[in-house]
Amino acid sequence: MRPKKGLGQHFLADLRVAQRIAEAAGGGPGDLVVEIGPGRGALTSFLLRRVGTVVGVELDRGLCEALSSRFASEAGFHLVHADALRVDFGALVRRHGIRDAVVVGNLPYYIATPLILRLVSGRWGLRKAVVTVQREVARRIVADPGNKNYGALSIAVQVAATPRRLFDVGRDAFRPVPRVESTVLEIDLGCPAIPVAEAVRRTFIEVVRWTFGHRRKMLRGTLRTLPGRPLGASQMDEVASLSGLDLRRRPETFTIGEFERLAEVIQQIA
């Protein structure tokens, strides 16, 4: 089948890469893998050699027909025609009587960020994700404070999960060949890298989003126009004093813990 540009289809063609991804997913005969966008089934074949059940989530109806035909003799293969941005992953896992599962996929570049945020923010019964994404997105997800790639996406993932870069994948591994390089990430969905207290989570998210929306400015300036709770000059002095933080810094230099401390203080005084 010809790739559909509107669906961002770039099919994995390098079987060595497919095997490495399957090995990273791990598992055994009693385990379940949810594969997002199995495409032509290159990765699916390797997954079925390792685990007892593979549930493919595919949006392209034509590919669903081709996959059903190719893996018709595989009792452990199940296919769902659905949008991964809408499907209930928890229901897929529970349907097979398994407590946790691994999600794997070569994610279309245009849905990679919203899909990863959906995976890390939901309680789906998923243990980890092994996903291939655009290399620039991967760098942003795993970035530390002070790195130019560090931003709201880094924090959103790291407060809910633990991401780790596994290996890079060249453009020639896909057909058609994309314009960008890719990276395979492992994301531990059951273990936040740096958890944030639930009591301040909402304010924490507001502060992170607003300040990184003005990442070239110092926090002392951006917090004065924080939506819903703008801070006057005297309040800014109080925030700096109570938090012990230098608000002349830009957001990319703040750790998650420092953003959490800011959220605590802002909740106290605003």
C-alpha atoms as a PDB file:
ATOM      1  CA  MET A   1       0.000   0.000   0.000  1.00  0.00           C
ATOM      2  CA  ARG A   2       1.143   3.509  -0.784  1.00  0.00           C
ATOM      3  CA  PRO A   3       1.835   5.661   2.293  1.00  0.00           C
ATOM      4  CA  LYS A   4      -0.716   8.359   3.056  1.00  0.00           C
ATOM      5  CA  LYS A   5       0.919  11.712   3.573  1.00  0.00           C
ATOM      6  CA  GLY A   6      -2.083  13.003   5.520  1.00  0.00           C
ATOM      7  CA  LEU A   7      -1.497  10.329   8.179  1.00  0.00           C
ATOM      8  CA  GLY A   8       2.226  11.023   8.384  1.00  0.00           C
ATOM      9  CA  GLN A   9       3.058   7.465   7.330  1.00  0.00           C
ATOM     10  CA  HIS A  10       6.718   6.453   7.200  1.00  0.00           C
ATOM     11  CA  PHE A  11       6.919   2.680   7.476  1.00  0.00           C
ATOM     12  CA  LEU A  12       9.786   1.003   9.310  1.00  0.00           C
ATOM     13  CA  ALA A  13      11.716  -1.022   6.725  1.00  0.00           C
ATOM     14  CA  ASP A  14      14.969  -1.862   8.540  1.00  0.00           C
ATOM     15  CA  LEU A  15      14.390  -5.235  10.200  1.00  0.00           C
ATOM     16  CA  ARG A  16      17.447  -4.837  12.410  1.00  0.00           C
ATOM     17  CA  VAL A  17      15.898  -1.725  13.933  1.00  0.00           C
ATOM     18  CA  ALA A  18      12.578  -3.539  14.337  1.00  0.00           C
ATOM     19  CA  GLN A  19      14.321  -6.336  16.209  1.00  0.00           C
ATOM     20  CA  ARG A  20      16.097  -3.895  18.540  1.00  0.00           C
ATOM     21  CA  ILE A  21      12.813  -2.181  19.368  1.00  0.00           C
ATOM     22  CA  ALA A  22      11.148  -5.527  20.100  1.00  0.00           C
ATOM     23  CA  GLU A  23      14.047  -6.494  22.369  1.00  0.00           C
ATOM     24  CA  ALA A  24      13.746  -3.157  24.208  1.00  0.00           C
ATOM     25  CA  ALA A  25      10.044  -3.805  24.755  1.00  0.00           C
ATOM     26  CA  GLY A  26      10.935  -7.090  26.443  1.00  0.00           C
ATOM     27  CA  GLY A  27       8.318  -9.445  27.815  1.00  0.00           C
ATOM     28  CA  GLY A  28       7.516 -13.108  27.430  1.00  0.00           C
ATOM     29  CA  PRO A  29       4.696 -15.520  26.522  1.00  0.00           C
ATOM     30  CA  GLY A  30       2.402 -14.221  29.273  1.00  0.00           C
ATOM     31  CA  ASP A  31       2.795 -10.543  28.397  1.00  0.00           C
ATOM     32  CA  LEU A  32       0.849  -8.072  26.250  1.00  0.00           C
ATOM     33  CA  VAL A  33       2.134  -5.337  23.965  1.00  0.00           C
ATOM     34  CA  VAL A  34      -0.032  -2.586  22.532  1.00  0.00           C
ATOM     35  CA  GLU A  35       1.460  -1.525  19.216  1.00  0.00           C
ATOM     36  CA  ILE A  36       0.493   1.929  17.999  1.00  0.00           C
ATOM     37  CA  GLY A  37       0.387   2.134  14.221  1.00  0.00           C
ATOM     38  CA  PRO A  38       1.667  -1.314  13.183  1.00  0.00           C
ATOM     39  CA  GLY A  39       1.670  -0.146   9.570  1.00  0.00           C
ATOM     40  CA  ARG A  40       2.871  -2.976   7.340  1.00  0.00           C
ATOM     41  CA  GLY A  41       3.763  -5.206  10.286  1.00  0.00           C
ATOM     42  CA  ALA A  42       7.578  -5.136  10.285  1.00  0.00           C
ATOM     43  CA  LEU A  43       7.781  -4.594  14.050  1.00  0.00           C
ATOM     44  CA  THR A  44       4.675  -6.684  14.727  1.00  0.00           C
ATOM     45  CA  SER A  45       6.415  -9.825  13.475  1.00  0.00           C
ATOM     46  CA  PHE A  46       9.248  -9.454  15.980  1.00  0.00           C
ATOM     47  CA  LEU A  47       6.871  -8.637  18.839  1.00  0.00           C
ATOM     48  CA  LEU A  48       4.839 -11.782  18.190  1.00  0.00           C
ATOM     49  CA  ARG A  49       7.999 -13.869  18.521  1.00  0.00           C
ATOM     50  CA  ARG A  50       8.513 -12.560  22.060  1.00  0.00           C
ATOM     51  CA  VAL A  51       5.146 -11.984  23.732  1.00  0.00           C
ATOM     52  CA  GLY A  52       1.880 -13.875  23.936  1.00  0.00           C
ATOM     53  CA  THR A  53      -0.434 -11.058  22.838  1.00  0.00           C
ATOM     54  CA  VAL A  54      -0.004  -8.078  20.530  1.00  0.00           C
ATOM     55  CA  VAL A  55      -2.855  -5.604  20.177  1.00  0.00           C
ATOM     56  CA  GLY A  56      -2.381  -3.339  17.183  1.00  0.00           C
ATOM     57  CA  VAL A  57      -4.082   0.072  17.088  1.00  0.00           C
ATOM     58  CA  GLU A  58      -4.270   1.206  13.464  1.00  0.00           C
ATOM     59  CA  LEU A  59      -6.184   4.158  12.018  1.00  0.00           C
ATOM     60  CA  ASP A  60      -5.742   3.313   8.329  1.00  0.00           C
ATOM     61  CA  ARG A  61      -8.564   0.982   7.279  1.00  0.00           C
ATOM     62  CA  GLY A  62      -6.625  -0.324   4.297  1.00  0.00           C
ATOM     63  CA  LEU A  63      -3.693  -1.277   6.492  1.00  0.00           C
ATOM     64  CA  CYS A  64      -6.072  -2.974   8.915  1.00  0.00           C
ATOM     65  CA  GLU A  65      -7.216  -5.250   6.107  1.00  0.00           C
ATOM     66  CA  ALA A  66      -3.633  -6.015   5.074  1.00  0.00           C
ATOM     67  CA  LEU A  67      -2.553  -6.714   8.659  1.00  0.00           C
ATOM     68  CA  SER A  68      -5.534  -8.959   9.308  1.00  0.00           C
ATOM     69  CA  SER A  69      -4.612 -10.978   6.259  1.00  0.00           C
ATOM     70  CA  ARG A  70      -0.899 -11.150   7.034  1.00  0.00           C
ATOM     71  CA  PHE A  71      -1.324 -12.263  10.649  1.00  0.00           C
ATOM     72  CA  ALA A  72      -4.499 -14.321  10.224  1.00  0.00           C
ATOM     73  CA  SER A  73      -2.751 -17.426  11.549  1.00  0.00           C
ATOM     74  CA  GLU A  74      -1.402 -15.664  14.645  1.00  0.00           C
ATOM     75  CA  ALA A  75      -3.741 -16.408  17.562  1.00  0.00           C
ATOM     76  CA  GLY A  76      -1.986 -13.813  19.699  1.00  0.00           C
ATOM     77  CA  PHE A  77      -2.561 -10.944  17.280  1.00  0.00           C
ATOM     78  CA  HIS A  78      -5.556  -8.653  17.786  1.00  0.00           C
ATOM     79  CA  LEU A  79      -6.299  -5.557  15.746  1.00  0.00           C
ATOM     80  CA  VAL A  80      -8.298  -2.463  16.686  1.00  0.00           C
ATOM     81  CA  HIS A  81      -9.286   0.066  14.041  1.00  0.00           C
ATOM     82  CA  ALA A  82      -9.005   3.261  16.069  1.00  0.00           C
ATOM     83  CA  ASP A  83      -7.249   6.572  16.589  1.00  0.00           C
ATOM     84  CA  ALA A  84      -4.488   6.243  19.213  1.00  0.00           C
ATOM     85  CA  LEU A  85      -5.317   9.757  20.415  1.00  0.00           C
ATOM     86  CA  ARG A  86      -8.804   8.576  21.364  1.00  0.00           C
ATOM     87  CA  VAL A  87      -8.576   4.867  22.187  1.00  0.00           C
ATOM     88  CA  ASP A  88      -8.975   3.670  25.774  1.00  0.00           C
ATOM     89  CA  PHE A  89      -5.677   1.865  26.389  1.00  0.00           C
ATOM     90  CA  GLY A  90      -6.857   0.716  29.799  1.00  0.00           C
ATOM     91  CA  ALA A  91      -9.835  -1.082  28.276  1.00  0.00           C
ATOM     92  CA  LEU A  92      -7.577  -2.794  25.739  1.00  0.00           C
ATOM     93  CA  VAL A  93      -5.359  -4.137  28.507  1.00  0.00           C
ATOM     94  CA  ARG A  94      -8.210  -5.205  30.813  1.00  0.00           C
ATOM     95  CA  ARG A  95      -9.956  -7.011  27.963  1.00  0.00           C
ATOM     96  CA  HIS A  96      -7.120  -9.529  27.929  1.00  0.00           C
ATOM     97  CA  GLY A  97      -6.997  -9.999  31.695  1.00  0.00           C
ATOM     98  CA  ILE A  98      -3.504  -8.554  32.067  1.00  0.00           C
ATOM     99  CA  ARG A  99      -2.641  -6.121  34.866  1.00  0.00           C
ATOM    100  CA  ASP A 100      -0.033  -4.136  33.003  1.00  0.00           C
ATOM    101  CA  ALA A 101       1.336  -3.950  29.492  1.00  0.00           C
ATOM    102  CA  VAL A 102       3.913  -2.253  27.311  1.00  0.00           C
ATOM    103  CA  VAL A 103       3.041   0.165  24.529  1.00  0.00           C
ATOM    104  CA  VAL A 104       5.308   0.241  21.487  1.00  0.00           C
ATOM    105  CA  GLY A 105       5.198   2.233  18.287  1.00  0.00           C
ATOM    106  CA  ASN A 106       6.871   4.204  15.556  1.00  0.00           C
ATOM    107  CA  LEU A 107       4.815   7.309  16.163  1.00  0.00           C
ATOM    108  CA  PRO A 108       3.760   9.553  13.287  1.00  0.00           C
ATOM    109  CA  TYR A 109       5.654  12.761  13.892  1.00  0.00           C
ATOM    110  CA  TYR A 110       2.556  14.962  13.927  1.00  0.00           C
ATOM    111  CA  ILE A 111       0.919  13.078  16.828  1.00  0.00           C
ATOM    112  CA  ALA A 112       4.024  12.120  18.813  1.00  0.00           C
ATOM    113  CA  THR A 113       3.877  14.934  21.374  1.00  0.00           C
ATOM    114  CA  PRO A 114       0.120  14.830  22.172  1.00  0.00           C
ATOM    115  CA  LEU A 115       0.184  11.026  22.247  1.00  0.00           C
ATOM    116  CA  ILE A 116       3.126  10.838  24.657  1.00  0.00           C
ATOM    117  CA  LEU A 117       1.466  13.421  26.909  1.00  0.00           C
ATOM    118  CA  ARG A 118      -1.693  11.299  26.825  1.00  0.00           C
ATOM    119  CA  LEU A 119       0.234   8.156  27.733  1.00  0.00           C
ATOM    120  CA  VAL A 120       2.074   9.721  30.678  1.00  0.00           C
ATOM    121  CA  SER A 121      -0.965  11.508  32.085  1.00  0.00           C
ATOM    122  CA  GLY A 122      -3.426   8.612  32.030  1.00  0.00           C
ATOM    123  CA  ARG A 123      -3.870   5.596  34.287  1.00  0.00           C
ATOM    124  CA  TRP A 124      -3.963   3.053  31.533  1.00  0.00           C
ATOM    125  CA  GLY A 125      -2.419  -0.016  33.130  1.00  0.00           C
ATOM    126  CA  LEU A 126       0.685   0.471  30.990  1.00  0.00           C
ATOM    127  CA  ARG A 127       4.080  -0.239  32.507  1.00  0.00           C
ATOM    128  CA  LYS A 128       6.295   1.464  29.956  1.00  0.00           C
ATOM    129  CA  ALA A 129       6.412   2.837  26.440  1.00  0.00           C
ATOM    130  CA  VAL A 130       9.074   2.169  23.824  1.00  0.00           C
ATOM    131  CA  VAL A 131       8.449   4.695  21.073  1.00  0.00           C
ATOM    132  CA  THR A 132      10.229   6.061  18.032  1.00  0.00           C
ATOM    133  CA  VAL A 133       9.907   9.824  17.653  1.00  0.00           C
ATOM    134  CA  GLN A 134      11.537  12.683  15.819  1.00  0.00           C
ATOM    135  CA  ARG A 135      15.006  13.213  17.290  1.00  0.00           C
ATOM    136  CA  GLU A 136      14.318  16.837  18.222  1.00  0.00           C
ATOM    137  CA  VAL A 137      11.239  15.779  20.185  1.00  0.00           C
ATOM    138  CA  ALA A 138      13.263  13.103  21.986  1.00  0.00           C
ATOM    139  CA  ARG A 139      15.877  15.670  22.971  1.00  0.00           C
ATOM    140  CA  ARG A 140      13.208  17.937  24.399  1.00  0.00           C
ATOM    141  CA  ILE A 141      11.631  15.113  26.400  1.00  0.00           C
ATOM    142  CA  VAL A 142      14.845  14.001  28.122  1.00  0.00           C
ATOM    143  CA  ALA A 143      16.452  17.452  28.498  1.00  0.00           C
ATOM    144  CA  ASP A 144      17.744  18.715  31.840  1.00  0.00           C
ATOM    145  CA  PRO A 145      17.606  22.314  33.164  1.00  0.00           C
ATOM    146  CA  GLY A 146      20.120  24.565  31.432  1.00  0.00           C
ATOM    147  CA  ASN A 147      19.877  22.637  28.183  1.00  0.00           C
ATOM    148  CA  LYS A 148      18.503  24.602  25.215  1.00  0.00           C
ATOM    149  CA  ASN A 149      15.977  21.796  24.603  1.00  0.00           C
ATOM    150  CA  TYR A 150      14.598  21.953  28.162  1.00  0.00           C
ATOM    151  CA  GLY A 151      11.071  23.270  28.326  1.00  0.00           C
ATOM    152  CA  ALA A 152       7.437  22.651  29.186  1.00  0.00           C
ATOM    153  CA  LEU A 153       7.427  19.292  27.355  1.00  0.00           C
ATOM    154  CA  SER A 154      10.468  18.066  29.311  1.00  0.00           C
ATOM    155  CA  ILE A 155       8.760  18.934  32.580  1.00  0.00           C
ATOM    156  CA  ALA A 156       5.324  17.578  31.603  1.00  0.00           C
ATOM    157  CA  VAL A 157       6.835  14.160  30.871  1.00  0.00           C
ATOM    158  CA  GLN A 158       9.326  14.034  33.733  1.00  0.00           C
ATOM    159  CA  VAL A 159       6.802  14.845  36.476  1.00  0.00           C
ATOM    160  CA  ALA A 160       4.705  11.868  35.372  1.00  0.00           C
ATOM    161  CA  ALA A 161       7.211   9.347  34.010  1.00  0.00           C
ATOM    162  CA  THR A 162      10.903   8.588  33.553  1.00  0.00           C
ATOM    163  CA  PRO A 163      12.117   8.939  29.956  1.00  0.00           C
ATOM    164  CA  ARG A 164      15.398   7.507  28.677  1.00  0.00           C
ATOM    165  CA  ARG A 165      17.025   7.652  25.263  1.00  0.00           C
ATOM    166  CA  LEU A 166      17.777   4.177  23.908  1.00  0.00           C
ATOM    167  CA  PHE A 167      19.234   4.672  20.421  1.00  0.00           C
ATOM    168  CA  ASP A 168      19.034   6.820  17.308  1.00  0.00           C
ATOM    169  CA  VAL A 169      17.524   5.670  14.016  1.00  0.00           C
ATOM    170  CA  GLY A 170      18.614   7.055  10.663  1.00  0.00           C
ATOM    171  CA  ARG A 171      16.239   8.295   7.987  1.00  0.00           C
ATOM    172  CA  ASP A 172      17.037   5.360   5.686  1.00  0.00           C
ATOM    173  CA  ALA A 173      15.323   2.944   8.093  1.00  0.00           C
ATOM    174  CA  PHE A 174      11.927   4.189   6.857  1.00  0.00           C
ATOM    175  CA  ARG A 175       9.981   4.190   3.613  1.00  0.00           C
ATOM    176  CA  PRO A 176       9.333   6.741   2.320  1.00  0.00           C
ATOM    177  CA  VAL A 177      12.475   8.335   3.711  1.00  0.00           C
ATOM    178  CA  PRO A 178      11.505  11.188   6.078  1.00  0.00           C
ATOM    179  CA  ARG A 179      13.299  14.502   6.221  1.00  0.00           C
ATOM    180  CA  VAL A 180      14.233  14.123   9.881  1.00  0.00           C
ATOM    181  CA  GLU A 181      16.212  11.684  12.032  1.00  0.00           C
ATOM    182  CA  SER A 182      14.528   9.612  14.733  1.00  0.00           C
ATOM    183  CA  THR A 183      15.261   8.338  18.245  1.00  0.00           C
ATOM    184  CA  VAL A 184      13.850   5.431  20.216  1.00  0.00           C
ATOM    185  CA  LEU A 185      12.837   6.342  23.772  1.00  0.00           C
ATOM    186  CA  GLU A 186      11.940   4.166  26.720  1.00  0.00           C
ATOM    187  CA  ILE A 187       9.452   5.841  29.071  1.00  0.00           C
ATOM    188  CA  ASP A 188       8.793   4.258  32.467  1.00  0.00           C
ATOM    189  CA  LEU A 189       5.111   5.096  32.956  1.00  0.00           C
ATOM    190  CA  GLY A 190       4.945   3.911  36.538  1.00  0.00           C
ATOM    191  CA  CYS A 191       7.721   6.038  37.970  1.00  0.00           C
ATOM    192  CA  PRO A 192       7.911   9.855  37.736  1.00  0.00           C
ATOM    193  CA  ALA A 193      11.464  11.103  37.367  1.00  0.00           C
ATOM    194  CA  ILE A 194      10.671  14.007  39.715  1.00  0.00           C
ATOM    195  CA  PRO A 195       7.185  13.861  41.286  1.00  0.00           C
ATOM    196  CA  VAL A 196       5.292  17.044  42.171  1.00  0.00           C
ATOM    197  CA  ALA A 197       2.934  17.312  45.149  1.00  0.00           C
ATOM    198  CA  GLU A 198      -0.710  16.998  44.125  1.00  0.00           C
ATOM    199  CA  ALA A 199      -1.650  20.001  46.277  1.00  0.00           C
ATOM    200  CA  VAL A 200       0.305  22.391  44.049  1.00  0.00           C
ATOM    201  CA  ARG A 201       0.086  20.559  40.710  1.00  0.00           C
ATOM    202  CA  ARG A 202      -2.433  22.897  39.103  1.00  0.00           C
ATOM    203  CA  THR A 203      -0.491  26.041  40.004  1.00  0.00           C
ATOM    204  CA  PHE A 204       2.738  24.296  39.021  1.00  0.00           C
ATOM    205  CA  ILE A 205       1.366  23.597  35.540  1.00  0.00           C
ATOM    206  CA  GLU A 206       0.119  27.183  35.173  1.00  0.00           C
ATOM    207  CA  VAL A 207       3.514  28.617  36.135  1.00  0.00           C
ATOM    208  CA  VAL A 208       5.478  26.274  33.863  1.00  0.00           C
ATOM    209  CA  ARG A 209       3.274  26.874  30.831  1.00  0.00           C
ATOM    210  CA  TRP A 210       3.177  30.643  31.270  1.00  0.00           C
ATOM    211  CA  THR A 211       6.868  31.154  31.902  1.00  0.00           C
ATOM    212  CA  PHE A 212       8.010  28.900  29.055  1.00  0.00           C
ATOM    213  CA  GLY A 213       5.582  30.736  26.810  1.00  0.00           C
ATOM    214  CA  HIS A 214       7.905  33.688  27.443  1.00  0.00           C
ATOM    215  CA  ARG A 215      11.139  31.755  27.746  1.00  0.00           C
ATOM    216  CA  ARG A 216      13.362  34.658  26.724  1.00  0.00           C
ATOM    217  CA  LYS A 217      12.176  36.721  29.702  1.00  0.00           C
ATOM    218  CA  MET A 218      13.108  36.595  33.375  1.00  0.00           C
ATOM    219  CA  LEU A 219      10.532  35.132  35.730  1.00  0.00           C
ATOM    220  CA  ARG A 220      10.262  38.386  37.646  1.00  0.00           C
ATOM    221  CA  GLY A 221       8.621  39.888  34.586  1.00  0.00           C
ATOM    222  CA  THR A 222       6.479  36.993  33.395  1.00  0.00           C
ATOM    223  CA  LEU A 223       5.015  36.135  36.798  1.00  0.00           C
ATOM    224  CA  ARG A 224       3.643  39.665  37.109  1.00  0.00           C
ATOM    225  CA  THR A 225       1.211  38.808  34.299  1.00  0.00           C
ATOM    226  CA  LEU A 226       0.407  35.235  35.366  1.00  0.00           C
ATOM    227  CA  PRO A 227      -3.184  34.586  34.140  1.00  0.00           C
ATOM    228  CA  GLY A 228      -5.731  34.497  36.939  1.00  0.00           C
ATOM    229  CA  ARG A 229      -3.309  35.608  39.647  1.00  0.00           C
ATOM    230  CA  PRO A 230      -1.077  38.499  38.476  1.00  0.00           C
ATOM    231  CA  LEU A 231       1.544  39.472  41.023  1.00  0.00           C
ATOM    232  CA  GLY A 232       2.381  43.066  41.903  1.00  0.00           C
ATOM    233  CA  ALA A 233       5.883  44.350  42.634  1.00  0.00           C
ATOM    234  CA  SER A 234       5.589  43.840  46.400  1.00  0.00           C
ATOM    235  CA  GLN A 235       4.212  40.346  45.907  1.00  0.00           C
ATOM    236  CA  MET A 236       7.112  39.510  43.594  1.00  0.00           C
ATOM    237  CA  ASP A 237       9.514  40.554  46.352  1.00  0.00           C
ATOM    238  CA  GLU A 238       7.624  38.280  48.743  1.00  0.00           C
ATOM    239  CA  VAL A 239       7.772  35.345  46.301  1.00  0.00           C
ATOM    240  CA  ALA A 240      11.515  35.794  45.922  1.00  0.00           C
ATOM    241  CA  SER A 241      12.008  36.021  49.682  1.00  0.00           C
ATOM    242  CA  LEU A 242       9.853  33.058  50.657  1.00  0.00           C
ATOM    243  CA  SER A 243      11.086  30.799  47.869  1.00  0.00           C
ATOM    244  CA  GLY A 244      14.732  31.755  48.176  1.00  0.00           C
ATOM    245  CA  LEU A 245      14.952  31.883  44.378  1.00  0.00           C
ATOM    246  CA  ASP A 246      16.492  34.480  42.095  1.00  0.00           C
ATOM    247  CA  LEU A 247      13.614  35.522  39.840  1.00  0.00           C
ATOM    248  CA  ARG A 248      15.978  37.300  37.468  1.00  0.00           C
ATOM    249  CA  ARG A 249      16.669  33.881  35.957  1.00  0.00           C
ATOM    250  CA  ARG A 250      14.997  32.571  32.810  1.00  0.00           C
ATOM    251  CA  PRO A 251      12.690  29.525  32.990  1.00  0.00           C
ATOM    252  CA  GLU A 252      15.080  27.082  31.305  1.00  0.00           C
ATOM    253  CA  THR A 253      17.427  27.391  34.298  1.00  0.00           C
ATOM    254  CA  PHE A 254      14.796  26.321  36.864  1.00  0.00           C
ATOM    255  CA  THR A 255      14.603  22.741  38.048  1.00  0.00           C
ATOM    256  CA  ILE A 256      11.281  20.985  38.539  1.00  0.00           C
ATOM    257  CA  GLY A 257      11.794  21.255  42.299  1.00  0.00           C
ATOM    258  CA  GLU A 258      12.268  25.016  42.023  1.00  0.00           C
ATOM    259  CA  PHE A 259       9.110  25.373  39.949  1.00  0.00           C
ATOM    260  CA  GLU A 260       7.278  23.369  42.593  1.00  0.00           C
ATOM    261  CA  ARG A 261       8.585  25.695  45.300  1.00  0.00           C
ATOM    262  CA  LEU A 262       7.416  28.707  43.302  1.00  0.00           C
ATOM    263  CA  ALA A 263       3.961  27.169  42.952  1.00  0.00           C
ATOM    264  CA  GLU A 264       3.759  26.597  46.715  1.00  0.00           C
ATOM    265  CA  VAL A 265       4.639  30.204  47.489  1.00  0.00           C
ATOM    266  CA  ILE A 266       2.333  31.669  44.831  1.00  0.00           C
ATOM    267  CA  GLN A 267      -0.555  29.638  46.243  1.00  0.00           C
ATOM    268  CA  GLN A 268       0.182  31.067  49.677  1.00  0.00           C
ATOM    269  CA  ILE A 269       0.141  34.722  48.716  1.00  0.00           C
ATOM    270  CA  ALA A 270      -1.965  35.065  45.544  1.00  0.00           C
END
